[in-house]
Amino acid sequence: MMTNMEINEPTEEPIKTPEEKKGEPQGVVPFQDTLRVRKLYDANWDEIGGVTNSKARVYLTNDQTLESVSQDVVGLDAETYDVNNEFASNKFTVKVAGYYQINGQVKWLSTEADKQYTVYISKNGSIVAYASLESSHVTSITTVISDIVLLAIGDYIQLEAQHNGASSIDIAGGTTTTFLSIHKLS
């Protein structure tokens, strides 16, 4: 059964910016969606947080020497992108909790035959995934790793590497050779 309803006509009132809304009564914390960047505002219309879809890609710029049997943090020192400013000092530190796709790659230079070359994803200093190759020849090889990891705010991710060669071995620097990429999925 239909009842009488009042229909409100749309108003011509323009959408206000957070600066224009300062001092107005509050009820809902809104967000502004411009170019896929979401900004959150507190009750005083001051910006809080930042980009909610966290993602970063970082790489090793120069070759790094790794000692035999030592598990070392890869010295990722340059960014391809880091949209939420979460990468610093060889660590990706989470600002937005969720499931993250994590991909890593290490290119080993001058490997030894019949030795293991391993790459790790570590979360808060503990291994969550690893991939290992055994070299059957003396040349360079690339170890690749990928996983989806649940991360909380404040957790950090590092890329680590280890080999069991007789002497130290270099890993290759360069944006396409040794890198880590992290993208928040949900």
Protein backbone atom coordinates (compact mmCIF):
# COMPACT_ATOMS: atom_id res chain seq x y z
CA MET A 1 0.00 0.00 0.00
CA MET A 2 1.42 3.37 -1.03
CA THR A 3 1.42 6.36 1.34
CA ASN A 4 1.98 10.02 0.64
CA MET A 5 5.67 10.81 0.48
CA GLU A 6 7.41 14.13 0.40
CA ILE A 7 9.95 14.43 -2.38
CA ASN A 8 12.78 16.85 -1.77
CA GLU A 9 14.15 18.65 -4.78
CA PRO A 10 17.95 18.58 -5.15
CA THR A 11 19.67 21.68 -3.89
CA GLU A 12 22.18 23.72 -5.82
CA GLU A 13 24.50 23.97 -2.81
CA PRO A 14 28.14 23.37 -3.88
CA ILE A 15 30.25 20.70 -2.23
CA LYS A 16 32.49 22.26 0.40
CA THR A 17 36.17 21.57 0.86
CA PRO A 18 37.45 20.54 4.31
CA GLU A 19 38.84 24.04 4.79
CA GLU A 20 35.37 25.51 4.15
CA LYS A 21 33.76 23.03 6.58
CA LYS A 22 35.97 23.89 9.56
CA GLY A 23 33.80 25.00 12.47
CA GLU A 24 30.60 23.40 11.13
CA PRO A 25 28.75 20.77 13.20
CA GLN A 26 30.12 17.27 12.71
CA GLY A 27 28.36 13.96 12.34
CA VAL A 28 30.17 11.82 9.81
CA VAL A 29 33.85 11.53 8.95
CA PRO A 30 33.82 11.85 5.15
CA PHE A 31 36.42 11.14 2.54
CA GLN A 32 37.26 12.89 -0.67
CA ASP A 33 37.92 10.73 -3.72
CA THR A 34 40.07 12.57 -6.22
CA LEU A 35 42.24 10.72 -8.70
CA ARG A 36 41.83 7.52 -6.65
CA VAL A 37 43.39 9.14 -3.59
CA ARG A 38 41.23 8.92 -0.50
CA LYS A 39 41.73 11.41 2.27
CA LEU A 40 40.21 11.02 5.71
CA TYR A 41 39.29 13.95 7.92
CA ASP A 42 38.75 14.18 11.67
CA ALA A 43 35.94 16.01 13.47
CA ASN A 44 37.80 19.33 13.02
CA TRP A 45 38.19 18.70 9.27
CA ASP A 46 41.93 18.23 9.60
CA GLU A 47 43.37 15.62 7.25
CA ILE A 48 44.26 12.29 8.85
CA GLY A 49 45.85 9.29 7.23
CA GLY A 50 46.69 9.27 3.58
CA VAL A 51 46.39 6.96 0.64
CA THR A 52 44.47 3.88 1.74
CA ASN A 53 45.58 1.58 -1.07
CA SER A 54 49.12 1.00 0.11
CA LYS A 55 51.80 0.02 -2.43
CA ALA A 56 55.53 0.34 -2.88
CA ARG A 57 58.31 -0.93 -5.13
CA VAL A 58 61.94 -0.59 -4.07
CA TYR A 59 65.23 -1.85 -5.42
CA LEU A 60 68.96 -2.20 -4.79
CA THR A 61 70.90 0.49 -6.68
CA ASN A 62 74.43 -0.94 -6.43
CA ASP A 63 75.78 -4.47 -6.08
CA GLN A 64 75.81 -5.80 -2.50
CA THR A 65 78.27 -8.38 -1.17
CA LEU A 66 76.83 -11.21 0.94
CA GLU A 67 79.08 -13.40 3.08
CA SER A 68 78.75 -17.19 2.96
CA VAL A 69 76.01 -18.77 5.12
CA SER A 70 75.02 -15.40 6.59
CA GLN A 71 71.33 -14.45 6.22
CA ASP A 72 71.43 -10.75 5.34
CA VAL A 73 68.88 -8.01 4.78
CA VAL A 74 69.00 -6.84 1.17
CA GLY A 75 69.98 -3.16 1.15
CA LEU A 76 67.03 -1.88 -0.89
CA ASP A 77 67.87 1.81 -1.12
CA ALA A 78 65.83 3.34 -3.95
CA GLU A 79 62.12 3.62 -4.67
CA THR A 80 60.30 3.15 -7.95
CA TYR A 81 57.20 4.29 -6.03
CA ASP A 82 55.98 4.42 -2.44
CA VAL A 83 52.52 5.98 -2.41
CA ASN A 84 52.03 5.94 1.36
CA ASN A 85 55.62 6.67 2.47
CA GLU A 86 55.95 3.27 4.16
CA PHE A 87 59.44 2.30 3.03
CA ALA A 88 62.56 3.46 4.89
CA SER A 89 65.81 1.90 6.12
CA ASN A 90 65.35 -1.34 4.14
CA LYS A 91 61.90 -1.91 5.70
CA PHE A 92 58.30 -1.56 4.55
CA THR A 93 56.34 -0.57 7.67
CA VAL A 94 52.57 -1.02 7.37
CA LYS A 95 50.26 1.97 7.87
CA VAL A 96 47.06 0.24 6.68
CA ALA A 97 46.23 -3.31 7.88
CA GLY A 98 45.19 -5.96 5.38
CA TYR A 99 46.32 -8.67 2.99
CA TYR A 100 49.38 -7.76 0.92
CA GLN A 101 50.83 -9.29 -2.24
CA ILE A 102 54.61 -9.36 -1.72
CA ASN A 103 57.06 -10.10 -4.54
CA GLY A 104 60.83 -10.21 -4.27
CA GLN A 105 63.72 -10.96 -6.57
CA VAL A 106 67.47 -11.29 -6.07
CA LYS A 107 69.97 -11.72 -8.90
CA TRP A 108 73.12 -13.53 -7.79
CA LEU A 109 76.36 -12.76 -9.65
CA SER A 110 79.17 -15.28 -10.19
CA THR A 111 77.51 -18.21 -8.45
CA GLU A 112 79.24 -21.48 -7.60
CA ALA A 113 78.00 -24.84 -8.89
CA ASP A 114 76.06 -27.11 -6.52
CA LYS A 115 75.34 -24.37 -3.95
CA GLN A 116 72.03 -23.02 -2.57
CA TYR A 117 70.83 -19.44 -3.21
CA THR A 118 67.87 -18.45 -1.04
CA VAL A 119 65.65 -15.38 -0.76
CA TYR A 120 63.31 -14.71 2.18
CA ILE A 121 60.33 -12.52 2.98
CA SER A 122 60.52 -11.66 6.66
CA LYS A 123 57.78 -10.11 8.78
CA ASN A 124 58.92 -8.41 12.00
CA GLY A 125 62.24 -10.27 11.73
CA SER A 126 60.73 -13.76 11.26
CA ILE A 127 60.64 -15.68 7.98
CA VAL A 128 57.16 -16.03 6.46
CA ALA A 129 58.23 -17.39 3.05
CA TYR A 130 61.36 -18.44 1.20
CA ALA A 131 62.47 -19.66 -2.20
CA SER A 132 65.72 -21.46 -2.92
CA LEU A 133 67.62 -22.50 -6.03
CA GLU A 134 70.63 -24.72 -6.47
CA SER A 135 73.03 -23.55 -9.12
CA SER A 136 74.22 -26.27 -11.46
CA HIS A 137 76.78 -24.02 -13.13
CA VAL A 138 79.06 -21.06 -12.53
CA THR A 139 77.23 -17.99 -13.78
CA SER A 140 74.45 -15.75 -12.47
CA ILE A 141 71.01 -16.91 -11.34
CA THR A 142 67.87 -15.16 -10.12
CA THR A 143 65.78 -16.26 -7.14
CA VAL A 144 62.15 -15.08 -7.14
CA ILE A 145 59.61 -15.19 -4.30
CA SER A 146 55.94 -14.28 -3.99
CA ASP A 147 53.34 -14.61 -1.24
CA ILE A 148 50.19 -13.03 0.19
CA VAL A 149 50.67 -12.02 3.81
CA LEU A 150 48.25 -10.63 6.40
CA LEU A 151 49.82 -7.51 7.94
CA ALA A 152 48.77 -5.34 10.87
CA ILE A 153 49.57 -1.68 11.38
CA GLY A 154 53.21 -1.41 12.51
CA ASP A 155 54.31 -4.76 11.04
CA TYR A 156 57.38 -4.52 8.84
CA ILE A 157 58.58 -6.50 5.83
CA GLN A 158 62.17 -7.04 4.69
CA LEU A 159 63.78 -8.92 1.83
CA GLU A 160 66.64 -11.14 2.97
CA ALA A 161 69.09 -13.40 1.14
CA GLN A 162 71.52 -16.21 1.95
CA HIS A 163 73.88 -18.57 0.11
CA ASN A 164 76.15 -21.44 1.10
CA GLY A 165 78.98 -20.77 -1.33
CA ALA A 166 82.61 -21.05 -0.27
CA SER A 167 83.18 -17.30 -0.34
CA SER A 168 81.28 -14.02 -0.50
CA ILE A 169 79.03 -13.41 -3.51
CA ASP A 170 77.57 -10.21 -4.93
CA ILE A 171 73.92 -9.64 -5.66
CA ALA A 172 73.18 -7.31 -8.55
CA GLY A 173 71.97 -3.78 -8.13
CA GLY A 174 69.47 -2.30 -10.55
CA THR A 175 65.76 -1.64 -10.81
CA THR A 176 65.09 -4.83 -12.80
CA THR A 177 67.46 -7.22 -11.00
CA THR A 178 67.03 -7.05 -7.20
CA PHE A 179 63.79 -5.59 -5.92
CA LEU A 180 60.75 -5.87 -3.63
CA SER A 181 57.18 -4.90 -4.48
CA ILE A 182 54.31 -4.78 -2.02
CA HIS A 183 50.66 -4.02 -2.85
CA LYS A 184 47.71 -4.06 -0.46
CA LEU A 185 44.98 -6.34 -1.85
CA SER A 186 42.24 -5.91 0.74
